[in-house]
PDB file of N, CA and C in Angstrom:
ATOM      1  N   UNK A   1      -6.330  17.978  26.638  1.00  0.00           N
ATOM      2  CA  UNK A   1      -6.968  16.852  25.835  1.00  0.00           C
ATOM      3  C   UNK A   1      -5.973  16.094  26.664  1.00  0.00           C
ATOM      4  N   UNK A   2      -6.295  14.319  25.923  1.00  0.00           N
ATOM      5  CA  UNK A   2      -6.074  12.833  26.451  1.00  0.00           C
ATOM      6  C   UNK A   2      -4.149  12.162  25.923  1.00  0.00           C
ATOM      7  N   UNK A   3      -3.101  11.646  26.776  1.00  0.00           N
ATOM      8  CA  UNK A   3      -2.249  11.484  26.295  1.00  0.00           C
ATOM      9  C   UNK A   3      -2.315   9.565  25.187  1.00  0.00           C
ATOM     10  N   UNK A   4      -1.351   9.099  24.793  1.00  0.00           N
ATOM     11  CA  UNK A   4      -1.538   8.331  24.364  1.00  0.00           C
ATOM     12  C   UNK A   4      -2.235   7.400  24.765  1.00  0.00           C
ATOM     13  N   UNK A   5      -1.646   7.634  25.780  1.00  0.00           N
ATOM     14  CA  UNK A   5      -2.648   6.299  27.084  1.00  0.00           C
ATOM     15  C   UNK A   5      -3.239   6.351  26.554  1.00  0.00           C
ATOM     16  N   UNK A   6      -4.017   6.866  27.034  1.00  0.00           N
ATOM     17  CA  UNK A   6      -5.419   8.067  27.867  1.00  0.00           C
ATOM     18  C   UNK A   6      -6.550   7.467  26.277  1.00  0.00           C
ATOM     19  N   UNK A   7      -6.013   7.678  25.105  1.00  0.00           N
ATOM     20  CA  UNK A   7      -7.270   7.132  24.466  1.00  0.00           C
ATOM     21  C   UNK A   7      -7.412   5.905  24.154  1.00  0.00           C
ATOM     22  N   UNK A   8      -9.335   5.978  24.298  1.00  0.00           N
ATOM     23  CA  UNK A   8      -9.820   5.031  23.685  1.00  0.00           C
ATOM     24  C   UNK A   8      -9.833   4.649  22.072  1.00  0.00           C
ATOM     25  N   UNK A   9     -10.170   3.925  21.774  1.00  0.00           N
ATOM     26  CA  UNK A   9     -10.354   2.815  20.410  1.00  0.00           C
ATOM     27  C   UNK A   9     -10.791   3.928  19.659  1.00  0.00           C
ATOM     28  N   UNK A  10     -12.039   4.849  20.375  1.00  0.00           N
ATOM     29  CA  UNK A  10     -12.872   5.482  19.812  1.00  0.00           C
ATOM     30  C   UNK A  10     -12.491   7.302  19.253  1.00  0.00           C
ATOM     31  N   UNK A  11     -11.121   7.178  19.958  1.00  0.00           N
ATOM     32  CA  UNK A  11     -10.942   8.180  19.753  1.00  0.00           C
ATOM     33  C   UNK A  11      -9.652   9.100  18.425  1.00  0.00           C
ATOM     34  N   UNK A  12      -9.984   9.510  17.593  1.00  0.00           N
ATOM     35  CA  UNK A  12      -8.587   9.864  16.962  1.00  0.00           C
ATOM     36  C   UNK A  12      -8.655  10.768  16.610  1.00  0.00           C
ATOM     37  N   UNK A  13      -7.238  10.904  15.746  1.00  0.00           N
ATOM     38  CA  UNK A  13      -6.613  12.641  15.335  1.00  0.00           C
ATOM     39  C   UNK A  13      -7.133  12.662  14.282  1.00  0.00           C
ATOM     40  N   UNK A  14      -7.486  11.840  13.455  1.00  0.00           N
ATOM     41  CA  UNK A  14      -8.257  12.163  12.459  1.00  0.00           C
ATOM     42  C   UNK A  14      -9.791  11.574  11.983  1.00  0.00           C
ATOM     43  N   UNK A  15      -9.433  12.972  10.982  1.00  0.00           N
ATOM     44  CA  UNK A  15     -11.390  12.921  10.570  1.00  0.00           C
ATOM     45  C   UNK A  15     -11.601  12.270   9.795  1.00  0.00           C
ATOM     46  N   UNK A  16     -12.728  11.371   9.868  1.00  0.00           N
ATOM     47  CA  UNK A  16     -13.253  10.462   8.738  1.00  0.00           C
ATOM     48  C   UNK A  16     -14.077  11.483   8.080  1.00  0.00           C
ATOM     49  N   UNK A  17     -14.522  11.488   6.985  1.00  0.00           N
ATOM     50  CA  UNK A  17     -13.705  10.743   5.901  1.00  0.00           C
ATOM     51  C   UNK A  17     -13.106  11.963   4.990  1.00  0.00           C
ATOM     52  N   UNK A  18     -12.363  11.333   4.649  1.00  0.00           N
ATOM     53  CA  UNK A  18     -10.654  12.166   4.662  1.00  0.00           C
ATOM     54  C   UNK A  18      -9.788  11.847   3.780  1.00  0.00           C
ATOM     55  N   UNK A  19      -8.375  12.589   2.273  1.00  0.00           N
ATOM     56  CA  UNK A  19      -7.619  11.676   1.340  1.00  0.00           C
ATOM     57  C   UNK A  19      -6.704  11.378   2.722  1.00  0.00           C
ATOM     58  N   UNK A  20      -6.863  10.560   2.954  1.00  0.00           N
ATOM     59  CA  UNK A  20      -4.547   9.709   3.290  1.00  0.00           C
ATOM     60  C   UNK A  20      -4.644   8.545   2.077  1.00  0.00           C
ATOM     61  N   UNK A  21      -3.110   8.865   2.732  1.00  0.00           N
ATOM     62  CA  UNK A  21      -1.541   8.423   2.007  1.00  0.00           C
ATOM     63  C   UNK A  21      -1.688   7.071   2.576  1.00  0.00           C
ATOM     64  N   UNK A  22      -1.683   6.457   1.331  1.00  0.00           N
ATOM     65  CA  UNK A  22      -0.588   5.006   2.066  1.00  0.00           C
ATOM     66  C   UNK A  22       0.238   4.359   0.533  1.00  0.00           C
ATOM     67  N   UNK A  23       1.685   4.539   1.674  1.00  0.00           N
ATOM     68  CA  UNK A  23       2.710   4.293   0.903  1.00  0.00           C
ATOM     69  C   UNK A  23       3.172   3.022   1.619  1.00  0.00           C
ATOM     70  N   UNK A  24       3.349   1.774  -0.287  1.00  0.00           N
ATOM     71  CA  UNK A  24       3.655   0.459   0.424  1.00  0.00           C
ATOM     72  C   UNK A  24       5.166   0.491  -0.572  1.00  0.00           C
ATOM     73  N   UNK A  25       5.935  -0.584   0.446  1.00  0.00           N
ATOM     74  CA  UNK A  25       6.763  -0.614  -0.011  1.00  0.00           C
ATOM     75  C   UNK A  25       6.928  -2.489  -0.197  1.00  0.00           C
ATOM     76  N   UNK A  26       7.688  -2.312  -1.327  1.00  0.00           N
ATOM     77  CA  UNK A  26       8.030  -4.113  -1.347  1.00  0.00           C
ATOM     78  C   UNK A  26       9.176  -4.305  -2.096  1.00  0.00           C
ATOM     79  N   UNK A  27      10.016  -5.408  -2.310  1.00  0.00           N
ATOM     80  CA  UNK A  27      11.201  -5.488  -3.116  1.00  0.00           C
ATOM     81  C   UNK A  27      10.744  -6.491  -4.671  1.00  0.00           C
ATOM     82  N   UNK A  28      11.679  -5.800  -5.560  1.00  0.00           N
ATOM     83  CA  UNK A  28      10.895  -5.892  -7.303  1.00  0.00           C
ATOM     84  C   UNK A  28      11.377  -7.011  -7.446  1.00  0.00           C
ATOM     85  N   UNK A  29      12.005  -7.276  -6.531  1.00  0.00           N
ATOM     86  CA  UNK A  29      12.747  -9.253  -7.290  1.00  0.00           C
ATOM     87  C   UNK A  29      12.753  -9.895  -6.799  1.00  0.00           C
ATOM     88  N   UNK A  30      11.137 -10.576  -6.400  1.00  0.00           N
ATOM     89  CA  UNK A  30      10.354 -11.314  -5.605  1.00  0.00           C
ATOM     90  C   UNK A  30      10.613 -12.709  -6.944  1.00  0.00           C
ATOM     91  N   UNK A  31       9.833 -12.025  -7.803  1.00  0.00           N
ATOM     92  CA  UNK A  31      10.114 -13.303  -9.173  1.00  0.00           C
ATOM     93  C   UNK A  31      10.844 -13.326  -9.651  1.00  0.00           C
ATOM     94  N   UNK A  32      11.993 -12.326  -9.591  1.00  0.00           N
ATOM     95  CA  UNK A  32      13.099 -13.024 -10.612  1.00  0.00           C
ATOM     96  C   UNK A  32      14.357 -13.612 -10.734  1.00  0.00           C
ATOM     97  N   UNK A  33      13.299 -14.667  -9.927  1.00  0.00           N
ATOM     98  CA  UNK A  33      13.876 -15.981 -10.675  1.00  0.00           C
ATOM     99  C   UNK A  33      12.880 -16.696 -11.534  1.00  0.00           C
ATOM    100  N   UNK A  34      11.475 -16.319 -11.677  1.00  0.00           N
ATOM    101  CA  UNK A  34      10.917 -17.138 -12.326  1.00  0.00           C
ATOM    102  C   UNK A  34      10.734 -16.265 -13.508  1.00  0.00           C
ATOM    103  N   UNK A  35      11.568 -14.847 -13.911  1.00  0.00           N
ATOM    104  CA  UNK A  35      11.159 -14.915 -15.113  1.00  0.00           C
ATOM    105  C   UNK A  35      12.253 -14.071 -15.888  1.00  0.00           C
ATOM    106  N   UNK A  36      12.033 -14.278 -17.630  1.00  0.00           N
ATOM    107  CA  UNK A  36      13.509 -14.508 -17.593  1.00  0.00           C
ATOM    108  C   UNK A  36      13.135 -14.096 -19.281  1.00  0.00           C
ATOM    109  N   UNK A  37      13.113 -12.985 -18.723  1.00  0.00           N
ATOM    110  CA  UNK A  37      12.666 -11.886 -20.030  1.00  0.00           C
ATOM    111  C   UNK A  37      13.695 -10.692 -20.122  1.00  0.00           C
ATOM    112  N   UNK A  38      13.342 -10.014 -21.098  1.00  0.00           N
ATOM    113  CA  UNK A  38      14.447  -9.023 -20.956  1.00  0.00           C
ATOM    114  C   UNK A  38      14.155  -7.680 -20.595  1.00  0.00           C
ATOM    115  N   UNK A  39      12.140  -7.240 -20.538  1.00  0.00           N
ATOM    116  CA  UNK A  39      12.033  -6.552 -19.890  1.00  0.00           C
ATOM    117  C   UNK A  39      11.198  -6.977 -18.125  1.00  0.00           C
ATOM    118  N   UNK A  40      11.851  -7.944 -17.525  1.00  0.00           N
ATOM    119  CA  UNK A  40      11.568  -8.305 -16.031  1.00  0.00           C
ATOM    120  C   UNK A  40      11.458  -7.449 -15.034  1.00  0.00           C
ATOM    121  N   UNK A  41      12.002  -6.153 -15.015  1.00  0.00           N
ATOM    122  CA  UNK A  41      11.320  -5.201 -13.637  1.00  0.00           C
ATOM    123  C   UNK A  41      10.121  -4.892 -13.916  1.00  0.00           C
ATOM    124  N   UNK A  42       9.478  -4.508 -15.668  1.00  0.00           N
ATOM    125  CA  UNK A  42       8.329  -4.212 -16.007  1.00  0.00           C
ATOM    126  C   UNK A  42       6.840  -4.798 -15.403  1.00  0.00           C
ATOM    127  N   UNK A  43       7.621  -6.406 -15.912  1.00  0.00           N
ATOM    128  CA  UNK A  43       6.697  -6.898 -15.423  1.00  0.00           C
ATOM    129  C   UNK A  43       6.650  -6.963 -13.974  1.00  0.00           C
ATOM    130  N   UNK A  44       7.435  -7.141 -13.144  1.00  0.00           N
ATOM    131  CA  UNK A  44       7.873  -7.238 -11.298  1.00  0.00           C
ATOM    132  C   UNK A  44       7.310  -6.141 -10.528  1.00  0.00           C
ATOM    133  N   UNK A  45       7.497  -5.208 -11.390  1.00  0.00           N
ATOM    134  CA  UNK A  45       7.221  -3.522 -10.687  1.00  0.00           C
ATOM    135  C   UNK A  45       5.100  -4.056 -11.491  1.00  0.00           C
ATOM    136  N   UNK A  46       4.608  -4.660 -12.110  1.00  0.00           N
ATOM    137  CA  UNK A  46       3.667  -4.570 -12.944  1.00  0.00           C
ATOM    138  C   UNK A  46       2.194  -5.732 -12.280  1.00  0.00           C
ATOM    139  N   UNK A  47       3.470  -6.784 -11.813  1.00  0.00           N
ATOM    140  CA  UNK A  47       2.897  -7.797 -10.618  1.00  0.00           C
ATOM    141  C   UNK A  47       2.487  -7.163  -9.656  1.00  0.00           C
ATOM    142  N   UNK A  48       3.208  -7.048  -8.738  1.00  0.00           N
ATOM    143  CA  UNK A  48       3.176  -5.905  -7.508  1.00  0.00           C
ATOM    144  C   UNK A  48       2.019  -5.238  -7.097  1.00  0.00           C
ATOM    145  N   UNK A  49       2.600  -4.015  -8.895  1.00  0.00           N
ATOM    146  CA  UNK A  49       1.130  -2.808  -8.009  1.00  0.00           C
ATOM    147  C   UNK A  49      -0.390  -3.643  -8.450  1.00  0.00           C
ATOM    148  N   UNK A  50       0.221  -4.275  -9.776  1.00  0.00           N
ATOM    149  CA  UNK A  50      -1.701  -5.033  -9.459  1.00  0.00           C
ATOM    150  C   UNK A  50      -1.715  -5.723  -8.357  1.00  0.00           C
ATOM    151  N   UNK A  51      -1.072  -6.736  -7.581  1.00  0.00           N
ATOM    152  CA  UNK A  51      -1.786  -7.276  -6.012  1.00  0.00           C
ATOM    153  C   UNK A  51      -1.971  -5.541  -5.183  1.00  0.00           C
ATOM    154  N   UNK A  52      -1.340  -4.829  -5.131  1.00  0.00           N
ATOM    155  CA  UNK A  52      -1.438  -3.927  -4.361  1.00  0.00           C
ATOM    156  C   UNK A  52      -2.826  -2.601  -4.681  1.00  0.00           C
ATOM    157  N   UNK A  53      -3.509  -2.716  -5.919  1.00  0.00           N
ATOM    158  CA  UNK A  53      -4.344  -1.785  -6.072  1.00  0.00           C
ATOM    159  C   UNK A  53      -5.103  -3.004  -5.811  1.00  0.00           C
ATOM    160  N   UNK A  54      -5.333  -4.533  -6.526  1.00  0.00           N
ATOM    161  CA  UNK A  54      -6.440  -5.774  -5.884  1.00  0.00           C
ATOM    162  C   UNK A  54      -6.718  -5.155  -4.137  1.00  0.00           C
ATOM    163  N   UNK A  55      -5.846  -5.325  -3.340  1.00  0.00           N
ATOM    164  CA  UNK A  55      -6.272  -5.280  -2.426  1.00  0.00           C
ATOM    165  C   UNK A  55      -6.411  -4.284  -1.669  1.00  0.00           C
ATOM    166  N   UNK A  56      -6.207  -3.195  -1.879  1.00  0.00           N
ATOM    167  CA  UNK A  56      -6.162  -1.680  -2.198  1.00  0.00           C
ATOM    168  C   UNK A  56      -7.776  -0.997  -2.021  1.00  0.00           C
ATOM    169  N   UNK A  57      -7.719  -2.480  -3.751  1.00  0.00           N
ATOM    170  CA  UNK A  57      -9.647  -1.878  -4.186  1.00  0.00           C
ATOM    171  C   UNK A  57     -10.305  -2.532  -3.931  1.00  0.00           C
ATOM    172  N   UNK A  58     -10.386  -3.713  -2.566  1.00  0.00           N
ATOM    173  CA  UNK A  58     -11.243  -4.509  -2.124  1.00  0.00           C
ATOM    174  C   UNK A  58     -12.103  -3.584  -0.605  1.00  0.00           C
ATOM    175  N   UNK A  59     -11.025  -2.465  -0.094  1.00  0.00           N
ATOM    176  CA  UNK A  59     -11.562  -1.838   1.008  1.00  0.00           C
ATOM    177  C   UNK A  59     -11.365  -0.232   0.971  1.00  0.00           C
ATOM    178  N   UNK A  60     -11.324   0.621  -0.489  1.00  0.00           N
ATOM    179  CA  UNK A  60     -11.503   0.847  -0.376  1.00  0.00           C
ATOM    180  C   UNK A  60     -11.624   1.806  -2.193  1.00  0.00           C
ATOM    181  N   UNK A  61     -13.366   0.460  -2.503  1.00  0.00           N
ATOM    182  CA  UNK A  61     -13.475  -0.068  -3.414  1.00  0.00           C
ATOM    183  C   UNK A  61     -13.596   1.840  -4.374  1.00  0.00           C
ATOM    184  N   UNK A  62     -13.824   2.966  -4.253  1.00  0.00           N
ATOM    185  CA  UNK A  62     -13.935   4.038  -4.622  1.00  0.00           C
ATOM    186  C   UNK A  62     -12.336   4.638  -5.373  1.00  0.00           C
ATOM    187  N   UNK A  63     -11.519   3.638  -5.287  1.00  0.00           N
ATOM    188  CA  UNK A  63      -9.687   4.127  -5.322  1.00  0.00           C
ATOM    189  C   UNK A  63     -10.417   4.354  -7.231  1.00  0.00           C
ATOM    190  N   UNK A  64      -9.114   5.489  -7.729  1.00  0.00           N
ATOM    191  CA  UNK A  64      -8.720   5.718  -9.003  1.00  0.00           C
ATOM    192  C   UNK A  64      -7.471   5.264  -8.787  1.00  0.00           C
ATOM    193  N   UNK A  65      -7.666   3.463  -9.581  1.00  0.00           N
ATOM    194  CA  UNK A  65      -6.279   3.019 -10.205  1.00  0.00           C
ATOM    195  C   UNK A  65      -4.998   4.252 -11.315  1.00  0.00           C
ATOM    196  N   UNK A  66      -5.493   5.543 -11.280  1.00  0.00           N
ATOM    197  CA  UNK A  66      -4.822   6.622 -12.593  1.00  0.00           C
ATOM    198  C   UNK A  66      -4.167   7.511 -11.023  1.00  0.00           C
ATOM    199  N   UNK A  67      -4.702   7.300 -10.026  1.00  0.00           N
ATOM    200  CA  UNK A  67      -3.935   7.629  -8.587  1.00  0.00           C
ATOM    201  C   UNK A  67      -2.081   6.588  -8.245  1.00  0.00           C
ATOM    202  N   UNK A  68      -2.579   6.388  -8.601  1.00  0.00           N
ATOM    203  CA  UNK A  68      -1.616   5.072  -8.179  1.00  0.00           C
ATOM    204  C   UNK A  68      -0.083   5.843  -8.395  1.00  0.00           C
ATOM    205  N   UNK A  69       0.744   5.972  -7.880  1.00  0.00           N
ATOM    206  CA  UNK A  69       2.663   6.295  -8.433  1.00  0.00           C
ATOM    207  C   UNK A  69       3.180   5.942  -7.742  1.00  0.00           C
ATOM    208  N   UNK A  70       3.780   5.014  -9.004  1.00  0.00           N
ATOM    209  CA  UNK A  70       4.980   4.159  -8.719  1.00  0.00           C
ATOM    210  C   UNK A  70       6.553   4.869  -8.707  1.00  0.00           C
ATOM    211  N   UNK A  71       7.376   4.095  -7.827  1.00  0.00           N
ATOM    212  CA  UNK A  71       8.959   4.757  -7.893  1.00  0.00           C
ATOM    213  C   UNK A  71       9.484   3.053  -7.745  1.00  0.00           C
ATOM    214  N   UNK A  72      10.869   3.223  -8.196  1.00  0.00           N
ATOM    215  CA  UNK A  72      11.265   2.187  -8.105  1.00  0.00           C
ATOM    216  C   UNK A  72      12.822   2.870  -7.561  1.00  0.00           C
ATOM    217  N   UNK A  73      13.154   1.977  -6.528  1.00  0.00           N
ATOM    218  CA  UNK A  73      14.524   2.575  -6.173  1.00  0.00           C
ATOM    219  C   UNK A  73      16.131   2.182  -7.276  1.00  0.00           C
ATOM    220  N   UNK A  74      16.964   3.354  -6.167  1.00  0.00           N
ATOM    221  CA  UNK A  74      18.218   3.214  -7.594  1.00  0.00           C
ATOM    222  C   UNK A  74      18.859   2.368  -8.000  1.00  0.00           C
ATOM    223  N   UNK A  75      18.481   0.994  -6.599  1.00  0.00           N
ATOM    224  CA  UNK A  75      19.294  -0.449  -7.046  1.00  0.00           C
ATOM    225  C   UNK A  75      18.384  -1.145  -7.437  1.00  0.00           C
ATOM    226  N   UNK A  76      17.264  -0.318  -7.995  1.00  0.00           N
ATOM    227  CA  UNK A  76      15.688  -1.376  -8.794  1.00  0.00           C
ATOM    228  C   UNK A  76      15.285  -2.299  -7.203  1.00  0.00           C
ATOM    229  N   UNK A  77      16.125  -2.373  -6.236  1.00  0.00           N
ATOM    230  CA  UNK A  77      15.710  -3.457  -5.652  1.00  0.00           C
ATOM    231  C   UNK A  77      14.370  -3.237  -4.708  1.00  0.00           C
ATOM    232  N   UNK A  78      13.710  -2.095  -5.414  1.00  0.00           N
ATOM    233  CA  UNK A  78      12.978  -2.038  -4.431  1.00  0.00           C
ATOM    234  C   UNK A  78      11.998  -0.832  -5.123  1.00  0.00           C
ATOM    235  N   UNK A  79      10.419  -1.363  -4.558  1.00  0.00           N
ATOM    236  CA  UNK A  79       9.128  -0.053  -4.802  1.00  0.00           C
ATOM    237  C   UNK A  79       8.671   0.362  -4.255  1.00  0.00           C
ATOM    238  N   UNK A  80       8.212   1.326  -4.686  1.00  0.00           N
ATOM    239  CA  UNK A  80       7.549   2.631  -4.092  1.00  0.00           C
ATOM    240  C   UNK A  80       6.436   3.132  -4.539  1.00  0.00           C
ATOM    241  N   UNK A  81       5.488   2.144  -3.670  1.00  0.00           N
ATOM    242  CA  UNK A  81       3.459   3.111  -3.987  1.00  0.00           C
ATOM    243  C   UNK A  81       2.500   3.358  -3.968  1.00  0.00           C
ATOM    244  N   UNK A  82       2.591   4.444  -4.403  1.00  0.00           N
ATOM    245  CA  UNK A  82       1.772   5.136  -3.132  1.00  0.00           C
ATOM    246  C   UNK A  82       0.710   5.504  -3.381  1.00  0.00           C
ATOM    247  N   UNK A  83      -0.714   5.214  -2.173  1.00  0.00           N
ATOM    248  CA  UNK A  83      -2.053   5.342  -2.578  1.00  0.00           C
ATOM    249  C   UNK A  83      -2.683   5.686  -2.712  1.00  0.00           C
ATOM    250  N   UNK A  84      -3.158   7.122  -2.634  1.00  0.00           N
ATOM    251  CA  UNK A  84      -4.052   7.680  -1.578  1.00  0.00           C
ATOM    252  C   UNK A  84      -5.658   7.736  -1.437  1.00  0.00           C
ATOM    253  N   UNK A  85      -5.795   6.685  -0.664  1.00  0.00           N
ATOM    254  CA  UNK A  85      -7.784   6.877  -0.921  1.00  0.00           C
ATOM    255  C   UNK A  85      -8.496   8.001   0.115  1.00  0.00           C
ATOM    256  N   UNK A  86     -10.061   7.459  -0.317  1.00  0.00           N
ATOM    257  CA  UNK A  86     -10.734   8.217   0.770  1.00  0.00           C
ATOM    258  C   UNK A  86     -11.381   6.908   1.822  1.00  0.00           C
ATOM    259  N   UNK A  87     -10.597   7.429   2.872  1.00  0.00           N
ATOM    260  CA  UNK A  87     -10.381   7.649   4.361  1.00  0.00           C
ATOM    261  C   UNK A  87     -11.420   7.000   4.484  1.00  0.00           C
ATOM    262  N   UNK A  88     -12.689   6.125   5.008  1.00  0.00           N
ATOM    263  CA  UNK A  88     -13.564   5.938   5.487  1.00  0.00           C
ATOM    264  C   UNK A  88     -13.687   5.457   7.022  1.00  0.00           C
ATOM    265  N   UNK A  89     -13.031   5.374   7.890  1.00  0.00           N
ATOM    266  CA  UNK A  89     -13.177   5.146   8.905  1.00  0.00           C
ATOM    267  C   UNK A  89     -12.228   3.954   9.749  1.00  0.00           C
ATOM    268  N   UNK A  90     -11.340   3.805  10.676  1.00  0.00           N
ATOM    269  CA  UNK A  90      -9.846   3.780  11.160  1.00  0.00           C
ATOM    270  C   UNK A  90      -9.849   1.503  11.062  1.00  0.00           C
ATOM    271  N   UNK A  91     -11.349   1.491  11.172  1.00  0.00           N
ATOM    272  CA  UNK A  91     -11.241   0.152  10.848  1.00  0.00           C
ATOM    273  C   UNK A  91     -11.497  -0.559   9.192  1.00  0.00           C
ATOM    274  N   UNK A  92     -11.704   0.194   8.431  1.00  0.00           N
ATOM    275  CA  UNK A  92     -11.004   0.135   7.177  1.00  0.00           C
ATOM    276  C   UNK A  92      -9.383   0.861   6.714  1.00  0.00           C
ATOM    277  N   UNK A  93      -9.219   1.039   7.167  1.00  0.00           N
ATOM    278  CA  UNK A  93      -7.429   1.607   7.403  1.00  0.00           C
ATOM    279  C   UNK A  93      -6.970   0.649   8.273  1.00  0.00           C
ATOM    280  N   UNK A  94      -7.343  -0.293   9.474  1.00  0.00           N
ATOM    281  CA  UNK A  94      -6.612  -0.539   9.955  1.00  0.00           C
ATOM    282  C   UNK A  94      -7.235  -2.288   9.055  1.00  0.00           C
ATOM    283  N   UNK A  95      -7.728  -3.114   8.161  1.00  0.00           N
ATOM    284  CA  UNK A  95      -8.300  -3.844   7.923  1.00  0.00           C
ATOM    285  C   UNK A  95      -6.990  -3.635   6.281  1.00  0.00           C
ATOM    286  N   UNK A  96      -7.427  -2.801   5.970  1.00  0.00           N
ATOM    287  CA  UNK A  96      -6.048  -2.282   4.433  1.00  0.00           C
ATOM    288  C   UNK A  96      -4.807  -3.431   4.453  1.00  0.00           C
ATOM    289  N   UNK A  97      -4.067  -2.378   6.294  1.00  0.00           N
ATOM    290  CA  UNK A  97      -2.590  -1.961   6.160  1.00  0.00           C
ATOM    291  C   UNK A  97      -2.427  -3.825   7.110  1.00  0.00           C
ATOM    292  N   UNK A  98      -3.558  -3.868   7.219  1.00  0.00           N
ATOM    293  CA  UNK A  98      -2.783  -5.430   8.293  1.00  0.00           C
ATOM    294  C   UNK A  98      -3.062  -7.164   6.548  1.00  0.00           C
ATOM    295  N   UNK A  99      -4.027  -6.236   5.769  1.00  0.00           N
ATOM    296  CA  UNK A  99      -3.784  -6.791   4.429  1.00  0.00           C
ATOM    297  C   UNK A  99      -2.433  -6.442   3.201  1.00  0.00           C
ATOM    298  N   UNK A 100      -2.990  -5.243   3.538  1.00  0.00           N
ATOM    299  CA  UNK A 100      -0.932  -5.334   3.058  1.00  0.00           C
ATOM    300  C   UNK A 100       0.162  -5.188   3.785  1.00  0.00           C
ATOM    301  N   UNK A 101       0.507  -5.512   5.168  1.00  0.00           N
ATOM    302  CA  UNK A 101       1.362  -5.729   5.972  1.00  0.00           C
ATOM    303  C   UNK A 101       1.151  -7.415   5.475  1.00  0.00           C
ATOM    304  N   UNK A 102       0.688  -7.994   4.545  1.00  0.00           N
ATOM    305  CA  UNK A 102       0.208  -9.221   5.278  1.00  0.00           C
ATOM    306  C   UNK A 102       0.890 -10.568   3.309  1.00  0.00           C
ATOM    307  N   UNK A 103       0.930  -9.776   2.595  1.00  0.00           N
ATOM    308  CA  UNK A 103       0.988  -9.873   1.043  1.00  0.00           C
ATOM    309  C   UNK A 103       2.421  -9.943   1.189  1.00  0.00           C
ATOM    310  N   UNK A 104       3.315 -11.281   0.601  1.00  0.00           N
ATOM    311  CA  UNK A 104       4.665 -11.844   0.072  1.00  0.00           C
ATOM    312  C   UNK A 104       5.773 -10.804   0.491  1.00  0.00           C
ATOM    313  N   UNK A 105       5.432  -9.780  -0.600  1.00  0.00           N
ATOM    314  CA  UNK A 105       6.773  -8.664  -1.696  1.00  0.00           C
ATOM    315  C   UNK A 105       6.262  -8.026  -1.151  1.00  0.00           C
ATOM    316  N   UNK A 106       5.867  -7.636   0.426  1.00  0.00           N
ATOM    317  CA  UNK A 106       5.451  -6.198   0.588  1.00  0.00           C
ATOM    318  C   UNK A 106       6.424  -6.476   2.322  1.00  0.00           C
ATOM    319  N   UNK A 107       7.833  -5.198   2.539  1.00  0.00           N
ATOM    320  CA  UNK A 107       8.573  -4.847   3.644  1.00  0.00           C
ATOM    321  C   UNK A 107       7.693  -4.255   3.718  1.00  0.00           C
ATOM    322  N   UNK A 108       7.132  -3.165   3.789  1.00  0.00           N
ATOM    323  CA  UNK A 108       6.664  -1.889   4.326  1.00  0.00           C
ATOM    324  C   UNK A 108       5.326  -1.126   3.863  1.00  0.00           C
ATOM    325  N   UNK A 109       4.240  -1.432   5.478  1.00  0.00           N
ATOM    326  CA  UNK A 109       3.547   0.411   4.726  1.00  0.00           C
ATOM    327  C   UNK A 109       3.890   1.571   5.532  1.00  0.00           C
ATOM    328  N   UNK A 110       3.198   2.660   5.137  1.00  0.00           N
ATOM    329  CA  UNK A 110       3.310   3.223   6.151  1.00  0.00           C
ATOM    330  C   UNK A 110       1.474   4.161   5.206  1.00  0.00           C
TER     331      UNK A 110
END
């Protein structure tokens, strides 16, 4: 078995296609200063989840919207979104990770 340093870009521990969960953590308070409604958290949550959904669907068009799981942190400052996609290649996953990480509200992608 090759070591981590011996692996080439074409080597992978993942066999494609496969179901692949992606966890996105983002700040829920990014738009809070701009929204002065009683359902402020719902709107911010919806905004981040909609942005993530657009990005995920761009890279995995067959992703089912209902498959997105959303959790709000105890303090309400962060959202955790989990999207399980049908990954077809490492190139697809790399591009998806790059675009998600570039979103201004996203803190981390696992």
